[in-house]
Protein backbone atom coordinates (compact mmCIF):
# COMPACT_ATOMS: atom_id res chain seq x y z
CA UNK A 1 66.46 8.51 -31.05
CA UNK A 2 67.95 6.00 -28.09
CA UNK A 3 67.14 9.18 -25.58
CA UNK A 4 64.90 8.99 -22.52
CA UNK A 5 62.68 11.96 -21.71
CA UNK A 6 61.32 12.31 -18.25
CA UNK A 7 58.31 14.11 -17.36
CA UNK A 8 57.72 15.75 -13.76
CA UNK A 9 54.46 16.34 -13.36
CA UNK A 10 51.44 15.84 -10.85
CA UNK A 11 49.00 15.18 -13.18
CA UNK A 12 50.39 13.12 -16.47
CA UNK A 13 47.20 13.29 -18.48
CA UNK A 14 48.11 16.89 -19.19
CA UNK A 15 51.21 16.18 -20.73
CA UNK A 16 49.96 12.78 -22.22
CA UNK A 17 49.53 14.34 -25.85
CA UNK A 18 52.84 15.52 -26.04
CA UNK A 19 54.49 12.66 -24.91
CA UNK A 20 52.61 10.23 -26.96
CA UNK A 21 54.01 12.59 -30.28
CA UNK A 22 57.27 12.26 -28.84
CA UNK A 23 57.21 8.49 -28.53
CA UNK A 24 55.13 7.51 -31.61
CA UNK A 25 56.58 9.79 -34.10
CA UNK A 26 60.24 10.57 -32.86
CA UNK A 27 61.13 7.21 -31.11
CA UNK A 28 61.93 8.64 -27.98
CA UNK A 29 61.84 6.55 -24.72
CA UNK A 30 58.97 8.33 -22.26
CA UNK A 31 58.71 8.17 -18.61
CA UNK A 32 56.83 10.08 -15.72
CA UNK A 33 57.02 11.05 -12.21
CA UNK A 34 55.14 12.43 -9.54
CA UNK A 35 57.59 13.39 -6.90
CA UNK A 36 61.20 13.80 -6.10
CA UNK A 37 62.32 10.29 -4.57
CA UNK A 38 60.30 8.85 -7.75
CA UNK A 39 62.45 11.17 -10.18
CA UNK A 40 65.43 10.86 -8.39
CA UNK A 41 65.41 6.98 -8.83
CA UNK A 42 64.57 7.52 -12.72
CA UNK A 43 67.60 9.52 -12.99
CA UNK A 44 69.80 7.49 -10.65
CA UNK A 45 69.77 4.64 -13.53
CA UNK A 46 71.34 7.00 -15.48
CA UNK A 47 69.24 6.63 -18.90
CA UNK A 48 67.64 10.49 -18.93
CA UNK A 49 68.75 12.71 -21.42
CA UNK A 50 65.93 15.46 -21.04
CA UNK A 51 64.02 16.40 -18.00
CA UNK A 52 60.16 18.69 -18.79
CA UNK A 53 59.35 19.59 -15.12
CA UNK A 54 56.00 21.28 -14.17
CA UNK A 55 56.31 23.97 -11.71
CA UNK A 56 52.90 23.82 -10.44
CA UNK A 57 53.53 20.16 -8.99
CA UNK A 58 52.70 20.71 -5.04
CA UNK A 59 54.35 17.44 -4.52
CA UNK A 60 57.70 18.82 -5.67
CA UNK A 61 59.45 22.10 -5.10
CA UNK A 62 60.48 21.91 -9.07
CA UNK A 63 63.02 24.93 -9.05
CA UNK A 64 64.94 23.68 -6.25
CA UNK A 65 64.88 20.02 -7.78
CA UNK A 66 65.90 21.27 -11.23
CA UNK A 67 68.62 23.35 -9.56
CA UNK A 68 70.25 20.29 -7.76
CA UNK A 69 70.26 18.56 -10.92
CA UNK A 70 72.18 21.31 -12.77
CA UNK A 71 74.88 20.58 -10.67
CA UNK A 72 74.65 16.74 -10.00
CA UNK A 73 73.69 15.76 -13.64
CA UNK A 74 74.77 18.86 -15.83
CA UNK A 75 74.46 16.88 -18.75
CA UNK A 76 70.48 16.17 -18.65
CA UNK A 77 68.80 19.21 -20.49
CA UNK A 78 65.72 20.78 -18.34
CA UNK A 79 62.41 22.32 -19.70
CA UNK A 80 60.28 24.06 -17.57
CA UNK A 81 56.53 24.02 -18.14
CA UNK A 82 54.65 26.79 -16.54
CA UNK A 83 50.87 27.79 -16.26
CA UNK A 84 49.33 30.60 -18.11
CA UNK A 85 49.41 32.82 -14.85
CA UNK A 86 53.31 31.96 -14.41
CA UNK A 87 52.70 32.60 -10.57
CA UNK A 88 56.54 31.80 -10.12
CA UNK A 89 59.12 34.50 -10.73
CA UNK A 90 60.18 33.04 -14.30
CA UNK A 91 63.10 34.82 -15.04
CA UNK A 92 64.75 34.18 -11.86
CA UNK A 93 63.51 30.34 -12.07
CA UNK A 94 65.12 30.11 -15.47
CA UNK A 95 68.37 31.53 -14.56
CA UNK A 96 68.55 29.79 -11.18
CA UNK A 97 67.72 25.91 -13.11
CA UNK A 98 69.80 27.09 -16.49
CA UNK A 99 66.94 25.82 -18.18
CA UNK A 100 67.41 25.22 -22.14
CA UNK A 101 63.79 26.84 -22.70
CA UNK A 102 59.97 27.18 -20.92
CA UNK A 103 56.78 25.83 -22.34
CA UNK A 104 53.01 26.95 -21.18
CA UNK A 105 50.44 24.82 -20.57
CA UNK A 106 48.25 23.48 -22.62
CA UNK A 107 51.22 21.82 -24.36
CA UNK A 108 51.06 22.24 -27.62
CA UNK A 109 52.42 18.74 -29.18
CA UNK A 110 54.12 20.09 -32.13
CA UNK A 111 55.54 22.93 -29.98
CA UNK A 112 56.65 20.26 -27.37
CA UNK A 113 58.45 18.09 -29.85
CA UNK A 114 60.34 20.94 -31.67
CA UNK A 115 61.64 22.39 -28.51
CA UNK A 116 62.86 18.68 -27.23
CA UNK A 117 64.62 18.16 -30.56
CA UNK A 118 66.23 21.23 -30.59
CA UNK A 119 67.40 20.60 -26.91
CA UNK A 120 68.54 17.16 -27.82
CA UNK A 121 70.30 18.64 -30.85
CA UNK A 122 72.34 21.06 -28.56
CA UNK A 123 73.17 18.42 -26.34
CA UNK A 124 74.54 16.07 -29.00
CA UNK A 125 76.76 19.11 -30.30
CA UNK A 126 77.55 19.86 -26.71
CA UNK A 127 78.61 16.30 -26.29
CA UNK A 128 80.61 15.93 -29.68
CA UNK A 129 82.47 19.37 -28.87
CA UNK A 130 83.68 18.07 -25.54
CA UNK A 131 84.71 14.70 -27.16
CA UNK A 132 86.60 16.77 -29.89
CA UNK A 133 88.33 18.49 -27.11
CA UNK A 134 89.44 15.51 -25.21
CA UNK A 135 90.57 13.89 -28.14
CA UNK A 136 92.83 17.16 -29.06
CA UNK A 137 94.16 17.14 -25.56
CA UNK A 138 94.90 13.55 -25.48
CA UNK A 139 96.79 13.73 -28.93
CA UNK A 140 98.97 16.50 -27.57
CA UNK A 141 102.42 15.82 -26.38
CA UNK A 142 102.32 18.37 -23.84
CA UNK A 143 99.39 19.30 -21.35
CA UNK A 144 97.34 22.26 -23.02
CA UNK A 145 96.54 24.90 -20.37
CA UNK A 146 93.95 27.51 -19.72
CA UNK A 147 94.89 30.62 -21.20
CA UNK A 148 97.13 32.63 -18.54
CA UNK A 149 98.25 29.85 -16.65
CA UNK A 150 101.98 28.88 -16.31
CA UNK A 151 103.24 25.62 -17.85
CA UNK A 152 106.06 25.83 -15.52
CA UNK A 153 104.00 25.81 -11.89
CA UNK A 154 100.48 25.88 -12.73
CA UNK A 155 100.17 29.68 -11.49
CA UNK A 156 97.84 31.80 -13.16
CA UNK A 157 95.53 35.25 -12.90
CA UNK A 158 92.75 33.33 -11.74
CA UNK A 159 94.33 31.49 -8.60
CA UNK A 160 93.88 32.93 -4.95
CA UNK A 161 97.25 34.25 -3.51
CA UNK A 162 98.94 33.23 -0.16
CA UNK A 163 97.03 36.09 1.15
CA UNK A 164 93.55 34.95 0.65
CA UNK A 165 92.73 37.06 -2.24
CA UNK A 166 91.48 36.06 -5.64
CA UNK A 167 93.23 37.80 -8.20
CA UNK A 168 90.04 36.83 -10.91
CA UNK A 169 86.45 37.09 -10.29
CA UNK A 170 86.72 33.44 -11.81
CA UNK A 171 89.42 31.49 -10.98
CA UNK A 172 90.26 28.52 -13.74
CA UNK A 173 91.99 25.26 -12.62
CA UNK A 174 95.69 24.95 -12.90
CA UNK A 175 95.15 22.36 -16.32
CA UNK A 176 92.10 21.36 -18.47
CA UNK A 177 89.99 19.34 -16.63
CA UNK A 178 89.11 16.42 -19.07
CA UNK A 179 86.16 13.61 -18.40
CA UNK A 180 85.41 10.16 -18.92
CA UNK A 181 81.44 10.53 -18.48
CA UNK A 182 81.52 11.68 -14.86
CA UNK A 183 85.28 10.85 -14.10
CA UNK A 184 87.41 14.17 -13.66
CA UNK A 185 91.11 14.21 -14.21
CA UNK A 186 94.26 15.75 -15.71
CA UNK A 187 96.87 13.43 -15.36
CA UNK A 188 98.92 11.37 -17.56
CA UNK A 189 98.41 8.38 -15.95
CA UNK A 190 94.38 8.95 -16.01
CA UNK A 191 94.22 10.16 -19.77
CA UNK A 192 96.13 6.93 -20.31
CA UNK A 193 93.59 4.47 -18.51
CA UNK A 194 90.65 6.39 -20.12
CA UNK A 195 92.45 5.70 -23.56
CA UNK A 196 92.51 2.06 -22.86
CA UNK A 197 88.89 1.94 -21.31
CA UNK A 198 87.68 3.48 -24.98
CA UNK A 199 89.07 0.67 -26.59
CA UNK A 200 87.54 -1.45 -23.99
CA UNK A 201 84.08 -0.09 -24.50
CA UNK A 202 84.53 -0.89 -28.24
CA UNK A 203 84.12 -4.44 -27.64
CA UNK A 204 82.36 -6.81 -25.72
CA UNK A 205 84.95 -8.64 -23.62
CA UNK A 206 84.87 -8.41 -19.85
CA UNK A 207 86.42 -5.51 -17.81
CA UNK A 208 88.28 -6.08 -14.37
CA UNK A 209 88.65 -2.52 -12.60
CA UNK A 210 91.36 -2.94 -9.66
CA UNK A 211 92.10 0.00 -7.53
CA UNK A 212 92.06 1.29 -3.85
CA UNK A 213 88.78 2.47 -2.36
CA UNK A 214 87.18 5.40 -3.57
CA UNK A 215 89.31 6.07 -6.70
CA UNK A 216 86.33 5.98 -8.84
CA UNK A 217 86.14 2.79 -10.26
CA UNK A 218 82.33 2.91 -10.70
CA UNK A 219 82.42 5.66 -12.15
CA UNK A 220 85.19 4.02 -15.03
CA UNK A 221 82.73 1.23 -15.44
CA UNK A 222 79.92 4.04 -16.09
CA UNK A 223 82.06 5.38 -18.79
CA UNK A 224 83.15 1.81 -20.18
CA UNK A 225 79.22 1.16 -20.42
CA UNK A 226 78.08 4.52 -21.80
CA UNK A 227 80.76 4.38 -24.38
CA UNK A 228 79.59 0.85 -25.52
CA UNK A 229 76.78 -0.41 -28.22
CA UNK A 230 75.05 -1.35 -24.86
CA UNK A 231 74.58 2.23 -23.83
CA UNK A 232 71.06 2.05 -24.66
CA UNK A 233 70.59 -0.87 -22.25
CA UNK A 234 70.41 -0.89 -18.82
CA UNK A 235 73.75 -0.85 -16.37
CA UNK A 236 73.01 -3.01 -13.09
CA UNK A 237 75.55 -2.15 -10.06
CA UNK A 238 75.61 -5.25 -7.44
CA UNK A 239 77.92 -5.18 -4.57
CA UNK A 240 79.08 -8.32 -3.69
CA UNK A 241 81.07 -7.71 -0.44
CA UNK A 242 79.32 -9.23 2.87
CA UNK A 243 76.38 -10.95 1.09
CA UNK A 244 75.38 -14.34 1.76
CA UNK A 245 75.53 -16.97 -1.12
CA UNK A 246 71.88 -17.78 -1.37
CA UNK A 247 70.92 -14.06 -1.30
CA UNK A 248 73.41 -13.14 -4.07
CA UNK A 249 72.60 -15.91 -6.28
CA UNK A 250 68.90 -14.49 -5.98
CA UNK A 251 70.00 -11.05 -6.87
CA UNK A 252 71.77 -11.99 -9.87
CA UNK A 253 70.17 -15.30 -11.17
CA UNK A 254 66.60 -14.51 -9.82
CA UNK A 255 64.29 -17.07 -8.18
CA UNK A 256 61.07 -18.72 -8.13
CA UNK A 257 58.10 -18.44 -5.46
CA UNK A 258 58.81 -20.57 -2.59
CA UNK A 259 62.36 -21.40 -3.44
CA UNK A 260 63.39 -20.60 0.31
CA UNK A 261 61.74 -19.06 3.15
CA UNK A 262 61.01 -15.21 2.50
CA UNK A 263 60.91 -16.00 -1.62
CA UNK A 264 56.74 -14.86 -1.54
CA UNK A 265 56.93 -14.20 -5.31
CA UNK A 266 59.35 -14.40 -8.39
CA UNK A 267 62.42 -12.33 -8.97
CA UNK A 268 63.57 -11.81 -12.33
CA UNK A 269 67.45 -11.28 -11.15
CA UNK A 270 69.96 -8.50 -12.44
CA UNK A 271 71.27 -10.74 -15.36
CA UNK A 272 67.99 -11.34 -17.03
CA UNK A 273 66.83 -7.79 -15.84
CA UNK A 274 70.20 -6.49 -17.68
CA UNK A 275 69.85 -8.73 -21.00
CA UNK A 276 71.39 -6.79 -23.54
CA UNK A 277 73.13 -4.15 -21.19
CA UNK A 278 76.05 -4.32 -18.67
CA UNK A 279 75.97 -5.55 -14.99
CA UNK A 280 78.83 -4.04 -12.69
CA UNK A 281 79.91 -6.66 -10.05
CA UNK A 282 81.75 -4.65 -7.14
CA UNK A 283 83.96 -6.19 -4.91
CA UNK A 284 84.21 -9.18 -6.61
CA UNK A 285 87.05 -10.59 -4.53
CA UNK A 286 84.53 -11.01 -1.77
CA UNK A 287 82.50 -13.61 -3.21
CA UNK A 288 82.76 -17.59 -1.85
CA UNK A 289 84.14 -20.23 -3.82
CA UNK A 290 81.10 -21.98 -4.31
CA UNK A 291 79.39 -18.69 -6.05
CA UNK A 292 82.49 -18.38 -8.37
CA UNK A 293 81.82 -21.48 -9.82
CA UNK A 294 78.12 -20.40 -10.87
CA UNK A 295 79.50 -17.11 -11.95
CA UNK A 296 82.20 -18.90 -14.05
CA UNK A 297 79.29 -20.78 -15.96
CA UNK A 298 77.39 -17.54 -16.80
CA UNK A 299 80.77 -16.19 -17.95
CA UNK A 300 81.20 -19.32 -20.00
CA UNK A 301 77.94 -19.90 -21.22
CA UNK A 302 75.35 -17.07 -20.49
CA UNK A 303 73.21 -19.34 -18.63
CA UNK A 304 70.88 -18.39 -16.14
CA UNK A 305 68.99 -20.63 -13.88
CA UNK A 306 66.84 -18.77 -10.91
CA UNK A 307 66.87 -20.57 -7.81
CA UNK A 308 64.04 -23.04 -7.55
CA UNK A 309 63.35 -23.36 -10.93
CA UNK A 310 64.74 -26.67 -13.54
CA UNK A 311 64.26 -24.08 -16.72
CA UNK A 312 67.78 -22.64 -18.18
CA UNK A 313 67.46 -19.16 -19.62
CA UNK A 314 70.21 -17.31 -21.54
CA UNK A 315 71.30 -13.62 -20.81
CA UNK A 316 73.26 -11.49 -23.32
CA UNK A 317 75.11 -9.24 -20.53
CA UNK A 318 78.58 -8.00 -20.65
CA UNK A 319 80.30 -8.08 -16.86
CA UNK A 320 82.30 -5.54 -15.26
CA UNK A 321 83.91 -6.57 -12.03
CA UNK A 322 85.59 -3.92 -9.62
CA UNK A 323 87.84 -4.99 -6.72
CA UNK A 324 89.75 -2.72 -4.01
CA UNK A 325 92.01 -5.94 -3.46
CA UNK A 326 94.70 -7.01 -6.45
CA UNK A 327 93.21 -10.38 -7.31
CA UNK A 328 96.30 -11.85 -8.60
CA UNK A 329 97.70 -12.23 -4.71
CA UNK A 330 94.39 -14.15 -3.99
CA UNK A 331 94.73 -16.47 -6.78
CA UNK A 332 97.97 -17.29 -5.70
CA UNK A 333 96.89 -17.87 -1.95
CA UNK A 334 93.84 -20.01 -3.59
CA UNK A 335 91.02 -18.10 -2.49
CA UNK A 336 89.85 -16.97 -5.94
CA UNK A 337 89.58 -19.52 -8.97
CA UNK A 338 92.09 -18.78 -11.82
CA UNK A 339 89.99 -19.88 -14.27
CA UNK A 340 87.68 -17.14 -13.62
CA UNK A 341 90.40 -14.17 -12.76
CA UNK A 342 91.23 -14.63 -16.62
CA UNK A 343 87.72 -15.02 -17.38
CA UNK A 344 87.10 -11.44 -16.06
CA UNK A 345 90.30 -10.15 -17.24
CA UNK A 346 89.35 -9.48 -20.99
CA UNK A 347 90.76 -5.88 -20.20
CA UNK A 348 92.64 -5.26 -17.00
CA UNK A 349 92.10 -1.46 -15.78
CA UNK A 350 93.81 -0.27 -12.48
CA UNK A 351 92.94 2.89 -11.37
CA UNK A 352 95.68 4.67 -9.65
CA UNK A 353 95.57 5.96 -6.02
CA UNK A 354 95.00 9.88 -5.85
CA UNK A 355 98.66 10.19 -4.15
CA UNK A 356 100.12 8.62 -7.29
CA UNK A 357 98.83 11.21 -9.62
CA UNK A 358 99.15 14.84 -7.62
CA UNK A 359 97.98 16.59 -11.26
CA UNK A 360 94.55 15.65 -10.61
CA UNK A 361 94.50 17.01 -7.42
CA UNK A 362 93.71 20.68 -8.17
CA UNK A 363 91.35 19.97 -11.07
CA UNK A 364 89.10 17.57 -8.74
CA UNK A 365 88.96 19.93 -5.63
CA UNK A 366 87.93 22.96 -8.32
CA UNK A 367 85.11 20.53 -9.73
CA UNK A 368 83.64 19.48 -6.16
CA UNK A 369 84.11 23.51 -4.90
CA UNK A 370 81.97 24.13 -7.93
CA UNK A 371 79.46 21.06 -7.34
CA UNK A 372 78.78 21.48 -3.82
CA UNK A 373 79.08 25.29 -3.75
CA UNK A 374 76.47 25.62 -6.25
CA UNK A 375 74.21 22.51 -4.17
CA UNK A 376 74.15 24.50 -1.31
CA UNK A 377 72.89 27.46 -3.24
CA UNK A 378 76.14 29.90 -2.56
CA UNK A 379 78.38 31.50 -4.92
CA UNK A 380 81.01 29.40 -6.11
CA UNK A 381 84.35 29.40 -3.32
CA UNK A 382 87.65 29.62 -4.17
CA UNK A 383 90.72 27.41 -2.59
CA UNK A 384 93.40 29.16 -1.42
CA UNK A 385 97.24 28.28 -2.46
CA UNK A 386 97.99 26.93 1.57
CA UNK A 387 95.12 24.35 0.81
CA UNK A 388 96.12 23.08 -2.57
CA UNK A 389 99.53 22.76 -1.01
CA UNK A 390 98.27 20.68 2.06
CA UNK A 391 96.20 18.47 -0.17
CA UNK A 392 99.36 17.84 -2.45
CA UNK A 393 101.30 16.89 0.59
CA UNK A 394 98.25 14.47 2.33
CA UNK A 395 98.29 10.68 1.15
CA UNK A 396 94.80 10.51 0.94
CA UNK A 397 93.95 6.89 2.29
CA UNK A 398 90.40 7.48 1.44
CA UNK A 399 91.35 8.93 -2.24
CA UNK A 400 89.08 11.25 -4.10
CA UNK A 401 85.96 10.29 -2.02
CA UNK A 402 88.10 11.65 0.91
CA UNK A 403 88.70 14.64 -1.16
CA UNK A 404 84.93 15.52 -1.93
CA UNK A 405 83.91 15.07 1.58
CA UNK A 406 86.75 16.96 3.09
CA UNK A 407 85.33 20.07 0.40
CA UNK A 408 82.00 19.64 0.65
CA UNK A 409 82.59 20.07 4.56
CA UNK A 410 84.84 23.31 3.77
CA UNK A 411 81.87 24.26 1.78
CA UNK A 412 79.24 23.70 4.25
CA UNK A 413 81.49 26.27 6.74
CA UNK A 414 82.45 28.86 4.59
CA UNK A 415 80.27 31.65 4.08
CA UNK A 416 78.89 33.25 0.84
CA UNK A 417 81.73 33.96 -1.78
CA UNK A 418 84.70 33.01 0.95
CA UNK A 419 87.85 31.88 -0.19
CA UNK A 420 88.26 28.52 1.47
CA UNK A 421 91.26 28.78 3.24
CA UNK A 422 93.22 26.51 6.10
CA UNK A 423 90.94 27.17 8.82
CA UNK A 424 88.06 25.89 7.11
CA UNK A 425 90.18 22.33 6.72
CA UNK A 426 89.10 19.39 9.47
CA UNK A 427 91.75 18.40 12.00
CA UNK A 428 93.53 15.67 9.74
CA UNK A 429 94.35 18.31 7.18
CA UNK A 430 94.55 21.37 9.53
CA UNK A 431 97.52 19.48 11.61
CA UNK A 432 100.16 18.73 8.55
CA UNK A 433 103.25 20.62 8.14
CA UNK A 434 103.49 23.75 6.48
CA UNK A 435 105.20 22.98 2.98
CA UNK A 436 108.52 23.91 3.06
CA UNK A 437 109.36 26.59 0.64
CA UNK A 438 113.42 26.83 0.70
CA UNK A 439 115.04 25.98 -2.28
CA UNK A 440 115.87 22.00 -2.66
CA UNK A 441 118.89 22.35 -4.80
CA UNK A 442 120.72 24.55 -3.30
CA UNK A 443 124.47 23.79 -3.54
CA UNK A 444 125.40 23.16 0.39
CA UNK A 445 129.31 23.67 -1.19
CA UNK A 446 128.58 20.64 -3.89
CA UNK A 447 130.05 21.23 -7.20
CA UNK A 448 128.04 21.97 -10.13
CA UNK A 449 128.21 18.51 -11.76
CA UNK A 450 127.52 17.07 -8.27
CA UNK A 451 124.36 19.05 -8.16
CA UNK A 452 122.93 18.11 -11.83
CA UNK A 453 123.55 14.26 -10.84
CA UNK A 454 121.37 14.73 -7.59
CA UNK A 455 118.72 16.66 -9.80
CA UNK A 456 118.74 14.09 -12.23
CA UNK A 457 118.64 11.21 -9.89
CA UNK A 458 115.76 13.03 -8.18
CA UNK A 459 113.92 13.04 -11.69
CA UNK A 460 114.47 10.14 -12.96
CA UNK A 461 113.26 8.60 -9.13
CA UNK A 462 109.92 10.80 -9.53
CA UNK A 463 109.09 9.55 -13.29
CA UNK A 464 109.59 5.99 -12.27
CA UNK A 465 107.49 6.68 -9.39
CA UNK A 466 104.71 8.14 -11.64
CA UNK A 467 104.63 5.31 -13.56
CA UNK A 468 104.40 2.70 -10.58
CA UNK A 469 108.25 1.71 -12.06
CA UNK A 470 106.88 0.67 -15.58
CA UNK A 471 110.21 1.44 -17.50
CA UNK A 472 108.86 1.28 -20.39
CA UNK A 473 106.25 4.23 -19.85
CA UNK A 474 109.18 6.31 -17.52
CA UNK A 475 111.58 6.04 -20.55
CA UNK A 476 109.43 7.15 -23.22
CA UNK A 477 108.56 10.11 -21.00
CA UNK A 478 112.31 10.91 -20.39
CA UNK A 479 113.07 10.38 -24.10
CA UNK A 480 115.52 7.53 -23.07
CA UNK A 481 116.07 4.08 -24.34
CA UNK A 482 115.15 1.31 -22.11
CA UNK A 483 119.04 0.49 -21.52
CA UNK A 484 119.85 3.90 -21.13
CA UNK A 485 116.92 4.09 -18.27
CA UNK A 486 118.58 1.06 -16.74
CA UNK A 487 121.81 2.38 -16.58
CA UNK A 488 120.90 5.51 -14.66
CA UNK A 489 118.65 3.25 -12.20
CA UNK A 490 121.87 1.54 -11.68
CA UNK A 491 123.88 4.55 -11.69
CA UNK A 492 121.99 6.26 -8.83
CA UNK A 493 121.22 3.22 -6.80
CA UNK A 494 117.34 4.10 -7.61
CA UNK A 495 114.99 0.98 -6.03
CA UNK A 496 111.00 1.09 -5.73
CA UNK A 497 109.76 3.24 -3.24
CA UNK A 498 112.43 6.03 -3.29
CA UNK A 499 112.09 9.36 -5.05
CA UNK A 500 115.59 10.54 -4.51
CA UNK A 501 119.23 9.29 -4.57
CA UNK A 502 120.86 9.73 -1.15
């Protein structure tokens, strides 16, 4: 009942009776768009669940638009509306767009309602199936790998070999890719983070998301919103970096006409526009001390006072704040208010950098290859072993965003169906040294006891680094007590920042 249906047509009159019946009898939200920019804007707001698109729209290449939508928003159901003459190659259009069904004009309102209901029921069943699979995956003690994938090294029959060959027509990712909305991951660290995000979503507390640039903080924020009770209301995003106070005040709190030079009309402001929903404040560390006071007042009382107005109104909005700089040091330095920091920190979600979760690199890489290969209209290429090895050896200062840009570039360079190999990489990756293939655990004259101790020290160090030296989590994964782990840290002289003993 809280679904939004987008009709894309040059003339909305022909679709009007069906749209009216869907809204009146079934309670769906209906919106219309006539061209690509309008349609993309509506879809970008993240509320659309189903699209009915007229292929006879002269202002939009409907098949090409739905083909892109298939890869950018795969969860949106797609229905084609065709004319009685069917001037297009209908079978090809249905295959390319992966449309659920097609309807012929003039639309029969009752038939349209039936097809829409069945499409949304199918969408909901798919969503519940994915959720159950995720819950099963997260409840297991060990990762669930795809059939044919070795749990020891992640290799399987679908992986491209070092000679550039692909051993199966459809290569599979190394581990099951999990999703929190559009956030893709496989590592235990991200699974624990998304578990906490789900718990945060069930409340109305503010959420503070910290992490380096490009780690997926906005995707995590969208996941929190769409898993909350506010998911049927808007999610508004405001970047606070590099914006003057008066502009930011106007964007969030609104203004009255004539409040300042250039204010030629009233502005509602995001807080009031998102009433009942969520506002994401990105780069919150960049706001000035003066604006921090205004924001603190809103968090405490929910009061909105537009610029140039003497009237105070209230807005019921959940705040999610994101920062690529840790706020705690800024508080200690006096650059960020401590009371505002604790107000924002109802739930604190820290997104680890990509280099700290190498298990996510293969599934993210596979996801981006499918996405950008599909957007280019090509058969999905595959990544060779050498490329994945170089990705794992790279530190990714730009994190997931940098990985996506690199794969998009590789897909643009590769021919249709070609394996993505090292010669497709950019200079930053092509100049990386070849990964070592020698056995790191050769004896080198050491006794068995010395080799076992060396291996144990390396393993303990790696697990500690994996959990950012959170000894409770590391001890749990290693099957040790906190005291036992502390003894091994002392025995092998481990310190933060090292992954092996000397």
